[in-house]
Amino acid sequence: LTRSRSLKKMDLLCNEFGLSGIQSMVPLLKNARSLTNLVIGDNENINTECFRLVVEALHGGSIEHLRFGRCNIDDITALERWTLPHLQVLDLDNNNIESIPLLEKYTNL
């Protein structure tokens, strides 16, 4: 799957993988340039580092919907460093986010 260029949606809701699982997914996410919808939620093992790795891997891609609800994320400043130019929906409900960076470059949100 790491060379999949036609993948559009990926739903990984209610899984128990954490940082090592996300690290294994990074090559796929970097190559899945058609991916528009990614759901990784209901997983307390997904933390800020996981979120940063996903945002970095998706940087400049076609992701439109990114859902990380009910995880263990407390910092989303990765959104300042890397850009998701087509992002329309960002679901971060029920996390422990301490501060929200300026998201003015995300005009589609």
N, C-alpha and C. Protein backbone atom coordinates (compact mmCIF):
# COMPACT_ATOMS: atom_id res chain seq x y z
N LEU A 1 0.79 -1.21 0.00
CA LEU A 1 0.00 0.00 0.00
C LEU A 1 0.84 1.28 0.00
N THR A 2 2.12 1.19 0.32
CA THR A 2 2.91 2.42 0.45
C THR A 2 3.02 3.18 -0.86
N ARG A 3 2.73 2.53 -1.97
CA ARG A 3 2.80 3.20 -3.26
C ARG A 3 1.42 3.54 -3.83
N SER A 4 0.39 3.37 -3.01
CA SER A 4 -0.98 3.61 -3.46
C SER A 4 -1.20 5.09 -3.77
N ARG A 5 -1.55 5.37 -5.00
CA ARG A 5 -1.83 6.74 -5.40
C ARG A 5 -3.33 6.98 -5.64
N SER A 6 -4.13 5.92 -5.53
CA SER A 6 -5.56 6.06 -5.80
C SER A 6 -6.41 6.05 -4.53
N LEU A 7 -5.82 5.86 -3.38
CA LEU A 7 -6.54 5.82 -2.11
C LEU A 7 -7.16 7.19 -1.82
N LYS A 8 -8.48 7.22 -1.60
CA LYS A 8 -9.18 8.49 -1.35
C LYS A 8 -9.66 8.64 0.08
N LYS A 9 -10.06 7.54 0.71
CA LYS A 9 -10.59 7.60 2.06
C LYS A 9 -9.95 6.50 2.91
N MET A 10 -9.65 6.86 4.16
CA MET A 10 -9.11 5.87 5.08
C MET A 10 -9.73 6.13 6.45
N ASP A 11 -10.41 5.12 6.97
CA ASP A 11 -11.09 5.21 8.26
C ASP A 11 -10.43 4.24 9.23
N LEU A 12 -9.74 4.78 10.22
CA LEU A 12 -9.04 3.98 11.22
C LEU A 12 -9.62 4.24 12.61
N LEU A 13 -10.90 4.51 12.66
CA LEU A 13 -11.62 4.82 13.89
C LEU A 13 -11.58 3.62 14.84
N CYS A 14 -11.43 3.91 16.13
CA CYS A 14 -11.51 2.90 17.20
C CYS A 14 -10.43 1.82 17.10
N ASN A 15 -9.24 2.21 16.75
CA ASN A 15 -8.11 1.29 16.77
C ASN A 15 -7.27 1.58 18.00
N GLU A 16 -6.31 0.73 18.28
CA GLU A 16 -5.48 0.91 19.47
C GLU A 16 -4.02 1.16 19.14
N PHE A 17 -3.68 1.41 17.89
CA PHE A 17 -2.28 1.67 17.55
C PHE A 17 -1.88 3.05 18.04
N GLY A 18 -0.59 3.28 18.17
CA GLY A 18 -0.08 4.56 18.65
C GLY A 18 1.03 5.07 17.76
N LEU A 19 2.08 5.58 18.37
CA LEU A 19 3.17 6.21 17.63
C LEU A 19 3.83 5.27 16.63
N SER A 20 4.12 4.04 17.02
CA SER A 20 4.78 3.13 16.08
C SER A 20 3.87 2.80 14.89
N GLY A 21 2.58 2.72 15.12
CA GLY A 21 1.64 2.50 14.02
C GLY A 21 1.60 3.67 13.06
N ILE A 22 1.58 4.89 13.61
CA ILE A 22 1.60 6.09 12.77
C ILE A 22 2.91 6.16 11.99
N GLN A 23 4.04 5.87 12.65
CA GLN A 23 5.33 5.89 11.97
C GLN A 23 5.34 4.92 10.79
N SER A 24 4.69 3.79 10.94
CA SER A 24 4.59 2.81 9.85
C SER A 24 3.72 3.31 8.71
N MET A 25 2.76 4.18 9.02
CA MET A 25 1.85 4.70 8.01
C MET A 25 2.41 5.88 7.22
N VAL A 26 3.45 6.54 7.74
CA VAL A 26 3.96 7.76 7.12
C VAL A 26 4.30 7.58 5.63
N PRO A 27 5.00 6.52 5.22
CA PRO A 27 5.27 6.38 3.78
C PRO A 27 4.00 6.32 2.93
N LEU A 28 2.99 5.62 3.42
CA LEU A 28 1.70 5.55 2.71
C LEU A 28 1.08 6.94 2.60
N LEU A 29 1.04 7.67 3.71
CA LEU A 29 0.42 8.99 3.71
C LEU A 29 1.15 9.97 2.79
N LYS A 30 2.45 9.86 2.73
CA LYS A 30 3.23 10.74 1.85
C LYS A 30 2.96 10.46 0.38
N ASN A 31 2.70 9.20 0.04
CA ASN A 31 2.49 8.82 -1.35
C ASN A 31 1.04 8.84 -1.78
N ALA A 32 0.11 8.87 -0.84
CA ALA A 32 -1.33 8.83 -1.16
C ALA A 32 -1.81 10.24 -1.49
N ARG A 33 -1.40 10.76 -2.61
CA ARG A 33 -1.71 12.13 -3.00
C ARG A 33 -3.17 12.35 -3.35
N SER A 34 -3.95 11.27 -3.51
CA SER A 34 -5.39 11.40 -3.77
C SER A 34 -6.22 11.31 -2.50
N LEU A 35 -5.57 11.07 -1.37
CA LEU A 35 -6.29 10.93 -0.10
C LEU A 35 -6.96 12.24 0.28
N THR A 36 -8.29 12.19 0.40
CA THR A 36 -9.05 13.39 0.76
C THR A 36 -9.69 13.30 2.14
N ASN A 37 -9.81 12.08 2.68
CA ASN A 37 -10.53 11.90 3.94
C ASN A 37 -9.78 10.91 4.82
N LEU A 38 -9.33 11.36 5.98
CA LEU A 38 -8.62 10.50 6.93
C LEU A 38 -9.26 10.62 8.30
N VAL A 39 -9.67 9.48 8.85
CA VAL A 39 -10.29 9.42 10.16
C VAL A 39 -9.42 8.56 11.08
N ILE A 40 -8.88 9.19 12.11
CA ILE A 40 -8.12 8.48 13.15
C ILE A 40 -8.67 9.03 14.46
N GLY A 41 -9.60 8.34 15.03
CA GLY A 41 -10.23 8.86 16.24
C GLY A 41 -10.60 7.76 17.20
N ASP A 42 -11.13 8.17 18.33
CA ASP A 42 -11.49 7.23 19.40
C ASP A 42 -10.30 6.35 19.75
N ASN A 43 -9.15 6.98 19.96
CA ASN A 43 -7.93 6.24 20.23
C ASN A 43 -7.04 7.06 21.18
N GLU A 44 -6.99 6.68 22.43
CA GLU A 44 -6.20 7.44 23.41
C GLU A 44 -4.70 7.31 23.19
N ASN A 45 -4.27 6.39 22.34
CA ASN A 45 -2.84 6.23 22.04
C ASN A 45 -2.34 7.23 21.00
N ILE A 46 -3.26 7.92 20.35
CA ILE A 46 -2.88 8.94 19.37
C ILE A 46 -2.64 10.24 20.12
N ASN A 47 -1.38 10.69 20.11
CA ASN A 47 -1.00 11.88 20.86
C ASN A 47 -0.50 12.99 19.93
N THR A 48 0.07 14.02 20.51
CA THR A 48 0.54 15.17 19.75
C THR A 48 1.60 14.78 18.72
N GLU A 49 2.51 13.92 19.09
CA GLU A 49 3.56 13.48 18.15
C GLU A 49 2.94 12.74 16.96
N CYS A 50 1.94 11.93 17.21
CA CYS A 50 1.24 11.23 16.13
C CYS A 50 0.59 12.24 15.19
N PHE A 51 -0.08 13.22 15.78
CA PHE A 51 -0.74 14.27 14.98
C PHE A 51 0.28 15.00 14.12
N ARG A 52 1.43 15.36 14.71
CA ARG A 52 2.47 16.07 13.97
C ARG A 52 2.98 15.24 12.80
N LEU A 53 3.21 13.95 13.02
CA LEU A 53 3.69 13.08 11.94
C LEU A 53 2.69 12.98 10.79
N VAL A 54 1.41 12.90 11.13
CA VAL A 54 0.37 12.81 10.09
C VAL A 54 0.30 14.11 9.30
N VAL A 55 0.29 15.24 9.99
CA VAL A 55 0.21 16.54 9.30
C VAL A 55 1.44 16.73 8.41
N GLU A 56 2.60 16.39 8.91
CA GLU A 56 3.82 16.51 8.11
C GLU A 56 3.75 15.61 6.87
N ALA A 57 3.28 14.39 7.04
CA ALA A 57 3.18 13.45 5.91
C ALA A 57 2.17 13.92 4.87
N LEU A 58 1.12 14.59 5.31
CA LEU A 58 0.07 15.05 4.39
C LEU A 58 0.35 16.43 3.81
N HIS A 59 1.42 17.07 4.24
CA HIS A 59 1.78 18.43 3.83
C HIS A 59 1.70 18.60 2.30
N GLY A 60 0.95 19.61 1.88
CA GLY A 60 0.82 19.94 0.46
C GLY A 60 -0.09 19.01 -0.33
N GLY A 61 -0.65 18.01 0.32
CA GLY A 61 -1.50 17.04 -0.37
C GLY A 61 -2.93 17.50 -0.54
N SER A 62 -3.79 16.57 -0.89
CA SER A 62 -5.18 16.90 -1.22
C SER A 62 -6.17 16.59 -0.10
N ILE A 63 -5.68 16.39 1.13
CA ILE A 63 -6.58 16.07 2.24
C ILE A 63 -7.59 17.20 2.46
N GLU A 64 -8.87 16.82 2.55
CA GLU A 64 -9.96 17.77 2.77
C GLU A 64 -10.59 17.60 4.15
N HIS A 65 -10.66 16.37 4.62
CA HIS A 65 -11.30 16.05 5.90
C HIS A 65 -10.29 15.30 6.76
N LEU A 66 -9.99 15.87 7.91
CA LEU A 66 -9.03 15.26 8.84
C LEU A 66 -9.70 15.18 10.20
N ARG A 67 -9.88 13.96 10.69
CA ARG A 67 -10.64 13.76 11.92
C ARG A 67 -9.81 13.02 12.96
N PHE A 68 -9.58 13.69 14.08
CA PHE A 68 -8.83 13.15 15.20
C PHE A 68 -9.62 13.32 16.48
N GLY A 69 -10.91 13.11 16.45
CA GLY A 69 -11.73 13.27 17.64
C GLY A 69 -11.46 12.19 18.67
N ARG A 70 -11.55 12.59 19.94
CA ARG A 70 -11.41 11.66 21.07
C ARG A 70 -10.07 10.91 21.07
N CYS A 71 -9.00 11.70 20.93
CA CYS A 71 -7.64 11.16 21.04
C CYS A 71 -6.96 11.80 22.25
N ASN A 72 -5.66 11.85 22.25
CA ASN A 72 -4.92 12.39 23.38
C ASN A 72 -3.96 13.48 22.90
N ILE A 73 -4.48 14.40 22.07
CA ILE A 73 -3.68 15.45 21.46
C ILE A 73 -3.79 16.72 22.32
N ASP A 74 -2.64 17.32 22.64
CA ASP A 74 -2.69 18.56 23.42
C ASP A 74 -2.04 19.75 22.71
N ASP A 75 -1.48 19.52 21.53
CA ASP A 75 -0.79 20.59 20.80
C ASP A 75 -0.99 20.37 19.30
N ILE A 76 -1.48 21.39 18.61
CA ILE A 76 -1.71 21.27 17.17
C ILE A 76 -0.90 22.31 16.38
N THR A 77 0.21 22.74 16.96
CA THR A 77 1.02 23.74 16.27
C THR A 77 1.67 23.20 14.99
N ALA A 78 1.59 21.90 14.76
CA ALA A 78 2.07 21.34 13.49
C ALA A 78 1.34 21.99 12.31
N LEU A 79 0.13 22.45 12.55
CA LEU A 79 -0.65 23.11 11.49
C LEU A 79 -0.05 24.45 11.08
N GLU A 80 0.80 25.03 11.93
CA GLU A 80 1.49 26.27 11.57
C GLU A 80 2.69 25.98 10.66
N ARG A 81 3.37 24.90 10.93
CA ARG A 81 4.60 24.59 10.19
C ARG A 81 4.32 23.97 8.83
N TRP A 82 3.39 23.05 8.76
CA TRP A 82 3.06 22.38 7.51
C TRP A 82 1.68 22.81 7.05
N THR A 83 1.45 22.77 5.76
CA THR A 83 0.21 23.28 5.19
C THR A 83 -0.59 22.17 4.53
N LEU A 84 -1.87 22.20 4.79
CA LEU A 84 -2.84 21.29 4.16
C LEU A 84 -3.78 22.19 3.36
N PRO A 85 -3.40 22.52 2.13
CA PRO A 85 -4.09 23.59 1.38
C PRO A 85 -5.54 23.33 1.04
N HIS A 86 -5.98 22.08 1.04
CA HIS A 86 -7.37 21.77 0.66
C HIS A 86 -8.25 21.44 1.86
N LEU A 87 -7.70 21.57 3.07
CA LEU A 87 -8.42 21.18 4.28
C LEU A 87 -9.71 21.99 4.44
N GLN A 88 -10.82 21.26 4.60
CA GLN A 88 -12.13 21.88 4.79
C GLN A 88 -12.73 21.55 6.15
N VAL A 89 -12.41 20.35 6.66
CA VAL A 89 -12.96 19.90 7.94
C VAL A 89 -11.80 19.41 8.80
N LEU A 90 -11.72 19.96 9.99
CA LEU A 90 -10.72 19.55 10.97
C LEU A 90 -11.46 19.24 12.26
N ASP A 91 -11.56 17.96 12.59
CA ASP A 91 -12.30 17.51 13.78
C ASP A 91 -11.28 17.11 14.85
N LEU A 92 -11.26 17.89 15.91
CA LEU A 92 -10.36 17.62 17.04
C LEU A 92 -11.15 17.59 18.35
N ASP A 93 -12.42 17.24 18.28
CA ASP A 93 -13.25 17.27 19.49
C ASP A 93 -12.75 16.28 20.54
N ASN A 94 -12.97 16.64 21.79
CA ASN A 94 -12.63 15.80 22.94
C ASN A 94 -11.15 15.43 23.01
N ASN A 95 -10.29 16.40 22.74
CA ASN A 95 -8.85 16.28 22.97
C ASN A 95 -8.50 17.23 24.11
N ASN A 96 -7.25 17.34 24.43
CA ASN A 96 -6.80 18.21 25.51
C ASN A 96 -5.95 19.35 24.97
N ILE A 97 -6.39 19.98 23.93
CA ILE A 97 -5.61 21.02 23.26
C ILE A 97 -5.53 22.25 24.15
N GLU A 98 -4.29 22.66 24.43
CA GLU A 98 -4.06 23.77 25.35
C GLU A 98 -4.07 25.13 24.67
N SER A 99 -3.62 25.19 23.43
CA SER A 99 -3.68 26.46 22.70
C SER A 99 -3.90 26.16 21.22
N ILE A 100 -4.59 27.06 20.58
CA ILE A 100 -4.91 26.89 19.16
C ILE A 100 -4.12 27.93 18.38
N PRO A 101 -3.30 27.46 17.44
CA PRO A 101 -2.51 28.42 16.64
C PRO A 101 -3.39 29.17 15.66
N LEU A 102 -2.87 30.25 15.13
CA LEU A 102 -3.59 30.97 14.08
C LEU A 102 -3.72 30.06 12.86
N LEU A 103 -4.91 29.95 12.36
CA LEU A 103 -5.17 29.09 11.21
C LEU A 103 -5.60 29.89 10.01
N GLU A 104 -5.13 31.12 9.91
CA GLU A 104 -5.57 32.02 8.85
C GLU A 104 -5.20 31.54 7.45
N LYS A 105 -4.17 30.70 7.32
CA LYS A 105 -3.81 30.18 5.99
C LYS A 105 -4.77 29.07 5.54
N TYR A 106 -5.61 28.62 6.44
CA TYR A 106 -6.60 27.57 6.10
C TYR A 106 -7.92 28.24 5.75
N THR A 107 -7.98 28.83 4.61
CA THR A 107 -9.14 29.62 4.20
C THR A 107 -10.36 28.76 3.88
N ASN A 108 -10.19 27.46 3.68
CA ASN A 108 -11.32 26.59 3.35
C ASN A 108 -12.03 26.04 4.59
N LEU A 109 -11.46 26.24 5.77
CA LEU A 109 -12.07 25.72 6.99
C LEU A 109 -13.34 26.49 7.34
